[in-house]
Full PDB file with SEQRES, HELIX, SHEET, SSBOND, CRYST1, ORIGX, SCALE, CONECT and MASTER records, all heavy atoms in Angstrom:
SEQRES   1 A   39  ASP THR ALA ARG LYS ASN VAL GLU THR ILE THR VAL PRO          
SEQRES   2 A   39  GLU LEU SER PRO GLU VAL LEU ILE ASP PRO THR THR THR          
SEQRES   3 A   39  VAL GLU ASP PHE THR PRO ALA VAL TRP GLU VAL GLU ILE          
HELIX    1 AA1 VAL A    7  THR A    9  5                                   3    
HELIX    2 AA2 PRO A   17  VAL A   19  5                                   3    
HELIX    3 AA3 VAL A   27  PHE A   30  5                                   4    
CRYST1    1.000    1.000    1.000  90.00  90.00  90.00 P 1           1          
ORIGX1      1.000000  0.000000  0.000000        0.00000                         
ORIGX2      0.000000  1.000000  0.000000        0.00000                         
ORIGX3      0.000000  0.000000  1.000000        0.00000                         
SCALE1      1.000000  0.000000  0.000000        0.00000                         
SCALE2      0.000000  1.000000  0.000000        0.00000                         
SCALE3      0.000000  0.000000  1.000000        0.00000                         
ATOM      1  N   ASP A   1       4.036   9.361  40.771  1.00  0.00           N  
ATOM      2  CA  ASP A   1       2.831   8.644  41.156  1.00  0.00           C  
ATOM      3  C   ASP A   1       1.643   8.964  40.259  1.00  0.00           C  
ATOM      4  O   ASP A   1       0.519   8.557  40.544  1.00  0.00           O  
ATOM      5  CB  ASP A   1       2.476   8.953  42.614  1.00  0.00           C  
ATOM      6  CG  ASP A   1       2.311  10.448  42.843  1.00  0.00           C  
ATOM      7  OD1 ASP A   1       2.642  11.226  41.912  1.00  0.00           O  
ATOM      8  OD2 ASP A   1       1.863  10.826  43.944  1.00  0.00           O  
ATOM      9  N   THR A   2       1.875   9.714  39.158  1.00  0.00           N  
ATOM     10  CA  THR A   2       0.783  10.023  38.251  1.00  0.00           C  
ATOM     11  C   THR A   2       0.345   8.768  37.521  1.00  0.00           C  
ATOM     12  O   THR A   2       1.165   7.964  37.068  1.00  0.00           O  
ATOM     13  CB  THR A   2       1.222  11.083  37.217  1.00  0.00           C  
ATOM     14  OG1 THR A   2       1.636  12.256  37.924  1.00  0.00           O  
ATOM     15  CG2 THR A   2       0.081  11.425  36.276  1.00  0.00           C  
ATOM     16  N   ALA A   3      -0.966   8.612  37.359  1.00  0.00           N  
ATOM     17  CA  ALA A   3      -1.496   7.429  36.665  1.00  0.00           C  
ATOM     18  C   ALA A   3      -1.078   7.454  35.200  1.00  0.00           C  
ATOM     19  O   ALA A   3      -1.168   8.484  34.540  1.00  0.00           O  
ATOM     20  CB  ALA A   3      -3.019   7.415  36.773  1.00  0.00           C  
ATOM     21  N   ARG A   4      -0.573   6.329  34.684  1.00  0.00           N  
ATOM     22  CA  ARG A   4      -0.106   6.234  33.313  1.00  0.00           C  
ATOM     23  C   ARG A   4      -1.105   5.457  32.456  1.00  0.00           C  
ATOM     24  O   ARG A   4      -1.759   4.543  32.924  1.00  0.00           O  
ATOM     25  CB  ARG A   4       1.265   5.547  33.264  1.00  0.00           C  
ATOM     26  CG  ARG A   4       2.332   6.300  34.025  1.00  0.00           C  
ATOM     27  CD  ARG A   4       3.662   5.570  33.973  1.00  0.00           C  
ATOM     28  NE  ARG A   4       4.681   6.275  34.726  1.00  0.00           N  
ATOM     29  CZ  ARG A   4       5.453   7.231  34.250  1.00  0.00           C  
ATOM     30  NH1 ARG A   4       5.321   7.592  33.000  1.00  0.00           N  
ATOM     31  NH2 ARG A   4       6.348   7.823  34.999  1.00  0.00           N  
ATOM     32  N   LYS A   5      -1.148   5.843  31.116  1.00  0.00           N  
ATOM     33  CA  LYS A   5      -2.035   5.147  30.188  1.00  0.00           C  
ATOM     34  C   LYS A   5      -1.336   3.907  29.641  1.00  0.00           C  
ATOM     35  O   LYS A   5      -0.152   3.939  29.346  1.00  0.00           O  
ATOM     36  CB  LYS A   5      -2.427   6.065  29.031  1.00  0.00           C  
ATOM     37  CG  LYS A   5      -3.287   7.237  29.455  1.00  0.00           C  
ATOM     38  CD  LYS A   5      -3.683   8.071  28.239  1.00  0.00           C  
ATOM     39  CE  LYS A   5      -4.567   9.231  28.660  1.00  0.00           C  
ATOM     40  NZ  LYS A   5      -4.993  10.042  27.486  1.00  0.00           N  
ATOM     41  N   ASN A   6      -2.083   2.830  29.513  1.00  0.00           N  
ATOM     42  CA  ASN A   6      -1.543   1.626  28.882  1.00  0.00           C  
ATOM     43  C   ASN A   6      -2.179   1.436  27.511  1.00  0.00           C  
ATOM     44  O   ASN A   6      -2.959   2.268  27.045  1.00  0.00           O  
ATOM     45  CB  ASN A   6      -1.773   0.398  29.770  1.00  0.00           C  
ATOM     46  CG  ASN A   6      -3.242   0.261  30.166  1.00  0.00           C  
ATOM     47  OD1 ASN A   6      -4.115   0.645  29.408  1.00  0.00           O  
ATOM     48  ND2 ASN A   6      -3.471  -0.284  31.357  1.00  0.00           N  
ATOM     49  N   VAL A   7      -1.845   0.339  26.843  1.00  0.00           N  
ATOM     50  CA  VAL A   7      -2.336   0.094  25.488  1.00  0.00           C  
ATOM     51  C   VAL A   7      -3.857   0.063  25.446  1.00  0.00           C  
ATOM     52  O   VAL A   7      -4.485   0.527  24.486  1.00  0.00           O  
ATOM     53  CB  VAL A   7      -1.731  -1.212  24.943  1.00  0.00           C  
ATOM     54  CG1 VAL A   7      -2.297  -1.543  23.572  1.00  0.00           C  
ATOM     55  CG2 VAL A   7      -0.227  -1.112  24.894  1.00  0.00           C  
ATOM     56  N   GLU A   8      -4.453  -0.518  26.458  1.00  0.00           N  
ATOM     57  CA  GLU A   8      -5.901  -0.665  26.454  1.00  0.00           C  
ATOM     58  C   GLU A   8      -6.619   0.669  26.569  1.00  0.00           C  
ATOM     59  O   GLU A   8      -7.747   0.834  26.093  1.00  0.00           O  
ATOM     60  CB  GLU A   8      -6.345  -1.591  27.601  1.00  0.00           C  
ATOM     61  CG  GLU A   8      -6.003  -3.066  27.391  1.00  0.00           C  
ATOM     62  CD  GLU A   8      -4.531  -3.366  27.632  1.00  0.00           C  
ATOM     63  OE1 GLU A   8      -3.849  -2.474  28.182  1.00  0.00           O  
ATOM     64  OE2 GLU A   8      -4.073  -4.465  27.273  1.00  0.00           O  
ATOM     65  N   THR A   9      -5.996   1.649  27.243  1.00  0.00           N  
ATOM     66  CA  THR A   9      -6.682   2.914  27.485  1.00  0.00           C  
ATOM     67  C   THR A   9      -6.420   3.963  26.406  1.00  0.00           C  
ATOM     68  O   THR A   9      -7.022   5.028  26.423  1.00  0.00           O  
ATOM     69  CB  THR A   9      -6.234   3.489  28.847  1.00  0.00           C  
ATOM     70  OG1 THR A   9      -4.819   3.675  28.826  1.00  0.00           O  
ATOM     71  CG2 THR A   9      -6.631   2.539  29.970  1.00  0.00           C  
ATOM     72  N   ILE A  10      -5.486   3.674  25.451  1.00  0.00           N  
ATOM     73  CA  ILE A  10      -5.193   4.634  24.377  1.00  0.00           C  
ATOM     74  C   ILE A  10      -6.127   4.388  23.205  1.00  0.00           C  
ATOM     75  O   ILE A  10      -6.265   3.258  22.737  1.00  0.00           O  
ATOM     76  CB  ILE A  10      -3.738   4.516  23.918  1.00  0.00           C  
ATOM     77  CG1 ILE A  10      -2.793   4.900  25.071  1.00  0.00           C  
ATOM     78  CG2 ILE A  10      -3.467   5.400  22.705  1.00  0.00           C  
ATOM     79  CD1 ILE A  10      -1.340   4.742  24.741  1.00  0.00           C  
ATOM     80  N   THR A  11      -6.757   5.432  22.723  1.00  0.00           N  
ATOM     81  CA  THR A  11      -7.676   5.337  21.595  1.00  0.00           C  
ATOM     82  C   THR A  11      -6.955   5.700  20.298  1.00  0.00           C  
ATOM     83  O   THR A  11      -6.394   6.790  20.183  1.00  0.00           O  
ATOM     84  CB  THR A  11      -8.869   6.281  21.787  1.00  0.00           C  
ATOM     85  OG1 THR A  11      -9.521   5.964  23.028  1.00  0.00           O  
ATOM     86  CG2 THR A  11      -9.863   6.132  20.627  1.00  0.00           C  
ATOM     87  N   VAL A  12      -6.947   4.790  19.339  1.00  0.00           N  
ATOM     88  CA  VAL A  12      -6.306   5.022  18.040  1.00  0.00           C  
ATOM     89  C   VAL A  12      -7.371   5.455  17.038  1.00  0.00           C  
ATOM     90  O   VAL A  12      -8.361   4.743  16.847  1.00  0.00           O  
ATOM     91  CB  VAL A  12      -5.598   3.752  17.537  1.00  0.00           C  
ATOM     92  CG1 VAL A  12      -4.940   4.007  16.177  1.00  0.00           C  
ATOM     93  CG2 VAL A  12      -4.569   3.300  18.554  1.00  0.00           C  
ATOM     94  N   PRO A  13      -7.198   6.638  16.390  1.00  0.00           N  
ATOM     95  CA  PRO A  13      -8.215   7.070  15.418  1.00  0.00           C  
ATOM     96  C   PRO A  13      -8.225   6.153  14.202  1.00  0.00           C  
ATOM     97  O   PRO A  13      -7.195   5.665  13.755  1.00  0.00           O  
ATOM     98  CB  PRO A  13      -7.749   8.486  15.037  1.00  0.00           C  
ATOM     99  CG  PRO A  13      -6.295   8.490  15.323  1.00  0.00           C  
ATOM    100  CD  PRO A  13      -6.101   7.601  16.501  1.00  0.00           C  
ATOM    101  N   GLU A  14      -9.408   5.925  13.667  1.00  0.00           N  
ATOM    102  CA  GLU A  14      -9.543   5.079  12.493  1.00  0.00           C  
ATOM    103  C   GLU A  14      -9.232   5.868  11.229  1.00  0.00           C  
ATOM    104  O   GLU A  14      -9.622   7.029  11.098  1.00  0.00           O  
ATOM    105  CB  GLU A  14     -10.968   4.518  12.419  1.00  0.00           C  
ATOM    106  CG  GLU A  14     -11.310   3.566  13.551  1.00  0.00           C  
ATOM    107  CD  GLU A  14     -12.698   2.974  13.375  1.00  0.00           C  
ATOM    108  OE1 GLU A  14     -13.339   3.310  12.358  1.00  0.00           O  
ATOM    109  OE2 GLU A  14     -13.112   2.177  14.231  1.00  0.00           O  
ATOM    110  N   LEU A  15      -8.508   5.238  10.295  1.00  0.00           N  
ATOM    111  CA  LEU A  15      -8.182   5.876   9.014  1.00  0.00           C  
ATOM    112  C   LEU A  15      -9.359   5.741   8.073  1.00  0.00           C  
ATOM    113  O   LEU A  15     -10.000   4.695   7.990  1.00  0.00           O  
ATOM    114  CB  LEU A  15      -6.942   5.223   8.388  1.00  0.00           C  
ATOM    115  CG  LEU A  15      -5.627   5.395   9.149  1.00  0.00           C  
ATOM    116  CD1 LEU A  15      -4.527   4.612   8.441  1.00  0.00           C  
ATOM    117  CD2 LEU A  15      -5.251   6.854   9.253  1.00  0.00           C  
ATOM    118  N   SER A  16      -9.618   6.827   7.353  1.00  0.00           N  
ATOM    119  CA  SER A  16     -10.693   6.784   6.364  1.00  0.00           C  
ATOM    120  C   SER A  16     -10.256   5.922   5.186  1.00  0.00           C  
ATOM    121  O   SER A  16      -9.073   5.799   4.894  1.00  0.00           O  
ATOM    122  CB  SER A  16     -11.014   8.202   5.875  1.00  0.00           C  
ATOM    123  OG  SER A  16      -9.873   8.803   5.340  1.00  0.00           O  
ATOM    124  N   PRO A  17     -11.186   5.315   4.471  1.00  0.00           N  
ATOM    125  CA  PRO A  17     -10.832   4.386   3.374  1.00  0.00           C  
ATOM    126  C   PRO A  17      -9.968   5.023   2.301  1.00  0.00           C  
ATOM    127  O   PRO A  17      -9.123   4.359   1.712  1.00  0.00           O  
ATOM    128  CB  PRO A  17     -12.200   3.969   2.822  1.00  0.00           C  
ATOM    129  CG  PRO A  17     -13.157   4.201   3.938  1.00  0.00           C  
ATOM    130  CD  PRO A  17     -12.636   5.378   4.703  1.00  0.00           C  
ATOM    131  N   GLU A  18     -10.150   6.348   2.038  1.00  0.00           N  
ATOM    132  CA  GLU A  18      -9.408   6.944   0.930  1.00  0.00           C  
ATOM    133  C   GLU A  18      -7.932   7.123   1.221  1.00  0.00           C  
ATOM    134  O   GLU A  18      -7.146   7.375   0.308  1.00  0.00           O  
ATOM    135  CB  GLU A  18     -10.031   8.288   0.540  1.00  0.00           C  
ATOM    136  CG  GLU A  18     -10.112   9.301   1.667  1.00  0.00           C  
ATOM    137  CD  GLU A  18     -11.446   9.213   2.389  1.00  0.00           C  
ATOM    138  OE1 GLU A  18     -12.119   8.185   2.225  1.00  0.00           O  
ATOM    139  OE2 GLU A  18     -11.796  10.170   3.098  1.00  0.00           O  
ATOM    140  N   VAL A  19      -7.506   7.046   2.491  1.00  0.00           N  
ATOM    141  CA  VAL A  19      -6.095   7.205   2.787  1.00  0.00           C  
ATOM    142  C   VAL A  19      -5.397   5.874   3.028  1.00  0.00           C  
ATOM    143  O   VAL A  19      -4.204   5.839   3.272  1.00  0.00           O  
ATOM    144  CB  VAL A  19      -5.875   8.125   4.014  1.00  0.00           C  
ATOM    145  CG1 VAL A  19      -6.458   9.478   3.765  1.00  0.00           C  
ATOM    146  CG2 VAL A  19      -6.460   7.499   5.276  1.00  0.00           C  
ATOM    147  N   LEU A  20      -6.141   4.799   2.980  1.00  0.00           N  
ATOM    148  CA  LEU A  20      -5.523   3.490   3.147  1.00  0.00           C  
ATOM    149  C   LEU A  20      -4.773   3.093   1.883  1.00  0.00           C  
ATOM    150  O   LEU A  20      -5.192   3.408   0.768  1.00  0.00           O  
ATOM    151  CB  LEU A  20      -6.602   2.436   3.465  1.00  0.00           C  
ATOM    152  CG  LEU A  20      -7.287   2.557   4.831  1.00  0.00           C  
ATOM    153  CD1 LEU A  20      -8.405   1.534   4.926  1.00  0.00           C  
ATOM    154  CD2 LEU A  20      -6.291   2.377   5.960  1.00  0.00           C  
ATOM    155  N   ILE A  21      -3.631   2.444   2.016  1.00  0.00           N  
ATOM    156  CA  ILE A  21      -2.826   2.023   0.873  1.00  0.00           C  
ATOM    157  C   ILE A  21      -3.413   0.759   0.268  1.00  0.00           C  
ATOM    158  O   ILE A  21      -3.752  -0.198   0.978  1.00  0.00           O  
ATOM    159  CB  ILE A  21      -1.370   1.778   1.302  1.00  0.00           C  
ATOM    160  CG1 ILE A  21      -0.759   3.070   1.834  1.00  0.00           C  
ATOM    161  CG2 ILE A  21      -0.537   1.233   0.152  1.00  0.00           C  
ATOM    162  CD1 ILE A  21       0.637   2.904   2.345  1.00  0.00           C  
ATOM    163  N   ASP A  22      -3.533   0.777  -1.022  1.00  0.00           N  
ATOM    164  CA  ASP A  22      -4.040  -0.391  -1.746  1.00  0.00           C  
ATOM    165  C   ASP A  22      -3.077  -1.565  -1.526  1.00  0.00           C  
ATOM    166  O   ASP A  22      -1.870  -1.447  -1.744  1.00  0.00           O  
ATOM    167  CB  ASP A  22      -4.126  -0.053  -3.239  1.00  0.00           C  
ATOM    168  CG  ASP A  22      -4.799  -1.177  -4.033  1.00  0.00           C  
ATOM    169  OD1 ASP A  22      -4.970  -2.272  -3.478  1.00  0.00           O  
ATOM    170  OD2 ASP A  22      -5.123  -0.933  -5.210  1.00  0.00           O  
ATOM    171  N   PRO A  23      -3.572  -2.695  -1.077  1.00  0.00           N  
ATOM    172  CA  PRO A  23      -2.675  -3.836  -0.821  1.00  0.00           C  
ATOM    173  C   PRO A  23      -1.956  -4.333  -2.070  1.00  0.00           C  
ATOM    174  O   PRO A  23      -0.944  -5.014  -1.973  1.00  0.00           O  
ATOM    175  CB  PRO A  23      -3.619  -4.903  -0.254  1.00  0.00           C  
ATOM    176  CG  PRO A  23      -4.989  -4.486  -0.678  1.00  0.00           C  
ATOM    177  CD  PRO A  23      -4.971  -2.994  -0.733  1.00  0.00           C  
ATOM    178  N   THR A  24      -2.464  -3.975  -3.248  1.00  0.00           N  
ATOM    179  CA  THR A  24      -1.816  -4.428  -4.491  1.00  0.00           C  
ATOM    180  C   THR A  24      -0.717  -3.479  -4.944  1.00  0.00           C  
ATOM    181  O   THR A  24      -0.070  -3.713  -5.968  1.00  0.00           O  
ATOM    182  CB  THR A  24      -2.858  -4.551  -5.607  1.00  0.00           C  
ATOM    183  OG1 THR A  24      -3.435  -3.253  -5.862  1.00  0.00           O  
ATOM    184  CG2 THR A  24      -3.962  -5.529  -5.232  1.00  0.00           C  
ATOM    185  N   THR A  25      -0.490  -2.369  -4.200  1.00  0.00           N  
ATOM    186  CA  THR A  25       0.521  -1.393  -4.589  1.00  0.00           C  
ATOM    187  C   THR A  25       1.913  -2.003  -4.499  1.00  0.00           C  
ATOM    188  O   THR A  25       2.240  -2.708  -3.534  1.00  0.00           O  
ATOM    189  CB  THR A  25       0.448  -0.157  -3.675  1.00  0.00           C  
ATOM    190  OG1 THR A  25      -0.857   0.401  -3.768  1.00  0.00           O  
ATOM    191  CG2 THR A  25       1.464   0.890  -4.124  1.00  0.00           C  
ATOM    192  N   THR A  26       2.746  -1.719  -5.505  1.00  0.00           N  
ATOM    193  CA  THR A  26       4.113  -2.237  -5.541  1.00  0.00           C  
ATOM    194  C   THR A  26       5.106  -1.099  -5.383  1.00  0.00           C  
ATOM    195  O   THR A  26       4.747   0.079  -5.420  1.00  0.00           O  
ATOM    196  CB  THR A  26       4.383  -2.957  -6.872  1.00  0.00           C  
ATOM    197  OG1 THR A  26       4.235  -2.010  -7.935  1.00  0.00           O  
ATOM    198  CG2 THR A  26       3.405  -4.104  -7.071  1.00  0.00           C  
ATOM    199  N   VAL A  27       6.380  -1.462  -5.244  1.00  0.00           N  
ATOM    200  CA  VAL A  27       7.432  -0.467  -5.086  1.00  0.00           C  
ATOM    201  C   VAL A  27       7.525   0.422  -6.323  1.00  0.00           C  
ATOM    202  O   VAL A  27       7.794   1.617  -6.231  1.00  0.00           O  
ATOM    203  CB  VAL A  27       8.781  -1.171  -4.821  1.00  0.00           C  
ATOM    204  CG1 VAL A  27       9.915  -0.152  -4.771  1.00  0.00           C  
ATOM    205  CG2 VAL A  27       8.714  -1.963  -3.538  1.00  0.00           C  
ATOM    206  N   GLU A  28       7.278  -0.173  -7.498  1.00  0.00           N  
ATOM    207  CA  GLU A  28       7.400   0.606  -8.736  1.00  0.00           C  
ATOM    208  C   GLU A  28       6.422   1.772  -8.786  1.00  0.00           C  
ATOM    209  O   GLU A  28       6.659   2.772  -9.461  1.00  0.00           O  
ATOM    210  CB  GLU A  28       7.181  -0.305  -9.954  1.00  0.00           C  
ATOM    211  CG  GLU A  28       8.334  -1.244 -10.251  1.00  0.00           C  
ATOM    212  CD  GLU A  28       8.415  -2.403  -9.259  1.00  0.00           C  
ATOM    213  OE1 GLU A  28       7.437  -2.604  -8.518  1.00  0.00           O  
ATOM    214  OE2 GLU A  28       9.451  -3.091  -9.233  1.00  0.00           O  
ATOM    215  N   ASP A  29       5.300   1.636  -8.033  1.00  0.00           N  
ATOM    216  CA  ASP A  29       4.306   2.710  -8.042  1.00  0.00           C  
ATOM    217  C   ASP A  29       4.836   3.974  -7.376  1.00  0.00           C  
ATOM    218  O   ASP A  29       4.269   5.049  -7.542  1.00  0.00           O  
ATOM    219  CB  ASP A  29       3.020   2.251  -7.335  1.00  0.00           C  
ATOM    220  CG  ASP A  29       2.335   1.128  -8.095  1.00  0.00           C  
ATOM    221  OD1 ASP A  29       2.358   1.162  -9.334  1.00  0.00           O  
ATOM    222  OD2 ASP A  29       1.785   0.226  -7.442  1.00  0.00           O  
ATOM    223  N   PHE A  30       5.894   3.855  -6.575  1.00  0.00           N  
ATOM    224  CA  PHE A  30       6.461   5.007  -5.890  1.00  0.00           C  
ATOM    225  C   PHE A  30       7.737   5.502  -6.565  1.00  0.00           C  
ATOM    226  O   PHE A  30       8.433   6.359  -6.045  1.00  0.00           O  
ATOM    227  CB  PHE A  30       6.761   4.660  -4.423  1.00  0.00           C  
ATOM    228  CG  PHE A  30       5.531   4.383  -3.622  1.00  0.00           C  
ATOM    229  CD1 PHE A  30       5.083   3.083  -3.440  1.00  0.00           C  
ATOM    230  CD2 PHE A  30       4.795   5.411  -3.070  1.00  0.00           C  
ATOM    231  CE1 PHE A  30       3.943   2.818  -2.708  1.00  0.00           C  
ATOM    232  CE2 PHE A  30       3.656   5.155  -2.324  1.00  0.00           C  
ATOM    233  CZ  PHE A  30       3.215   3.858  -2.143  1.00  0.00           C  
ATOM    234  N   THR A  31       8.056   4.974  -7.747  1.00  0.00           N  
ATOM    235  CA  THR A  31       9.248   5.403  -8.472  1.00  0.00           C  
ATOM    236  C   THR A  31       9.050   6.829  -8.975  1.00  0.00           C  
ATOM    237  O   THR A  31       8.006   7.145  -9.539  1.00  0.00           O  
ATOM    238  CB  THR A  31       9.512   4.476  -9.679  1.00  0.00           C  
ATOM    239  OG1 THR A  31       9.647   3.149  -9.195  1.00  0.00           O  
ATOM    240  CG2 THR A  31      10.780   4.904 -10.416  1.00  0.00           C  
ATOM    241  N   PRO A  32      10.012   7.754  -8.760  1.00  0.00           N  
ATOM    242  CA  PRO A  32       9.856   9.130  -9.233  1.00  0.00           C  
ATOM    243  C   PRO A  32       9.633   9.173 -10.734  1.00  0.00           C  
ATOM    244  O   PRO A  32      10.175   8.366 -11.494  1.00  0.00           O  
ATOM    245  CB  PRO A  32      11.201   9.781  -8.851  1.00  0.00           C  
ATOM    246  CG  PRO A  32      11.760   8.915  -7.766  1.00  0.00           C  
ATOM    247  CD  PRO A  32      11.274   7.536  -8.054  1.00  0.00           C  
ATOM    248  N   ALA A  33       8.824  10.153 -11.157  1.00  0.00           N  
ATOM    249  CA  ALA A  33       8.530  10.300 -12.584  1.00  0.00           C  
ATOM    250  C   ALA A  33       9.776  10.746 -13.341  1.00  0.00           C  
ATOM    251  O   ALA A  33      10.582  11.529 -12.842  1.00  0.00           O  
ATOM    252  CB  ALA A  33       7.415  11.324 -12.773  1.00  0.00           C  
ATOM    253  N   VAL A  34       9.946  10.235 -14.537  1.00  0.00           N  
ATOM    254  CA  VAL A  34      11.069  10.630 -15.387  1.00  0.00           C  
ATOM    255  C   VAL A  34      10.511  11.134 -16.704  1.00  0.00           C  
ATOM    256  O   VAL A  34       9.355  10.918 -17.048  1.00  0.00           O  
ATOM    257  CB  VAL A  34      12.031   9.444 -15.646  1.00  0.00           C  
ATOM    258  CG1 VAL A  34      12.682   8.989 -14.365  1.00  0.00           C  
ATOM    259  CG2 VAL A  34      11.286   8.294 -16.306  1.00  0.00           C  
ATOM    260  N   TRP A  35      11.384  11.854 -17.457  1.00  0.00           N  
ATOM    261  CA  TRP A  35      10.963  12.370 -18.753  1.00  0.00           C  
ATOM    262  C   TRP A  35      10.626  11.210 -19.692  1.00  0.00           C  
ATOM    263  O   TRP A  35      11.350  10.226 -19.792  1.00  0.00           O  
ATOM    264  CB  TRP A  35      12.083  13.199 -19.383  1.00  0.00           C  
ATOM    265  CG  TRP A  35      12.318  14.524 -18.742  1.00  0.00           C  
ATOM    266  CD1 TRP A  35      13.381  14.892 -17.970  1.00  0.00           C  
ATOM    267  CD2 TRP A  35      11.483  15.674 -18.823  1.00  0.00           C  
ATOM    268  NE1 TRP A  35      13.253  16.183 -17.558  1.00  0.00           N  
ATOM    269  CE2 TRP A  35      12.102  16.690 -18.069  1.00  0.00           C  
ATOM    270  CE3 TRP A  35      10.271  15.944 -19.455  1.00  0.00           C  
ATOM    271  CZ2 TRP A  35      11.548  17.954 -17.945  1.00  0.00           C  
ATOM    272  CZ3 TRP A  35       9.732  17.207 -19.321  1.00  0.00           C  
ATOM    273  CH2 TRP A  35      10.362  18.189 -18.572  1.00  0.00           C  
ATOM    274  N   GLU A  36       9.521  11.345 -20.384  1.00  0.00           N  
ATOM    275  CA  GLU A  36       9.200  10.393 -21.444  1.00  0.00           C  
ATOM    276  C   GLU A  36       9.989  10.793 -22.684  1.00  0.00           C  
ATOM    277  O   GLU A  36       9.919  11.934 -23.133  1.00  0.00           O  
ATOM    278  CB  GLU A  36       7.706  10.423 -21.739  1.00  0.00           C  
ATOM    279  CG  GLU A  36       7.286   9.435 -22.810  1.00  0.00           C  
ATOM    280  CD  GLU A  36       5.794   9.468 -23.071  1.00  0.00           C  
ATOM    281  OE1 GLU A  36       5.085  10.153 -22.305  1.00  0.00           O  
ATOM    282  OE2 GLU A  36       5.357   8.822 -24.034  1.00  0.00           O  
ATOM    283  N   VAL A  37      10.760   9.871 -23.209  1.00  0.00           N  
ATOM    284  CA  VAL A  37      11.608  10.180 -24.356  1.00  0.00           C  
ATOM    285  C   VAL A  37      10.739  10.526 -25.552  1.00  0.00           C  
ATOM    286  O   VAL A  37       9.841   9.770 -25.939  1.00  0.00           O  
ATOM    287  CB  VAL A  37      12.535   8.989 -24.687  1.00  0.00           C  
ATOM    288  CG1 VAL A  37      13.358   9.280 -25.928  1.00  0.00           C  
ATOM    289  CG2 VAL A  37      13.447   8.701 -23.497  1.00  0.00           C  
ATOM    290  N   GLU A  38      10.990  11.702 -26.110  1.00  0.00           N  
ATOM    291  CA  GLU A  38      10.200  12.173 -27.238  1.00  0.00           C  
ATOM    292  C   GLU A  38      10.843  11.745 -28.552  1.00  0.00           C  
ATOM    293  O   GLU A  38      12.049  11.524 -28.633  1.00  0.00           O  
ATOM    294  CB  GLU A  38      10.095  13.703 -27.192  1.00  0.00           C  
ATOM    295  CG  GLU A  38       9.463  14.232 -25.908  1.00  0.00           C  
ATOM    296  CD  GLU A  38       9.533  15.744 -25.826  1.00  0.00           C  
ATOM    297  OE1 GLU A  38      10.029  16.369 -26.780  1.00  0.00           O  
ATOM    298  OE2 GLU A  38       9.092  16.296 -24.810  1.00  0.00           O  
ATOM    299  N   ILE A  39      10.016  11.661 -29.570  1.00  0.00           N  
ATOM    300  CA  ILE A  39      10.497  11.362 -30.918  1.00  0.00           C  
ATOM    301  C   ILE A  39      10.397  12.648 -31.729  1.00  0.00           C  
ATOM    302  O   ILE A  39       9.291  13.101 -32.049  1.00  0.00           O  
ATOM    303  CB  ILE A  39       9.670  10.247 -31.581  1.00  0.00           C  
ATOM    304  CG1 ILE A  39       9.756   8.968 -30.729  1.00  0.00           C  
ATOM    305  CG2 ILE A  39      10.153   9.992 -33.002  1.00  0.00           C  
ATOM    306  CD1 ILE A  39       8.890   7.841 -31.248  1.00  0.00           C  
TER     307      ILE A  39                                                      
MASTER        0    0    0    3    0    0    0    6  306    1    0    3          
END                                                                             
């Protein structure tokens, strides 16, 4: 019989701008770094 929280009563913290993902980011941006072939 305990009162339960619903969607309306839950507070979601706002993300700061610096942690938001750039909408232009592509999958290639997350590709692991590899050795640059040296000459």
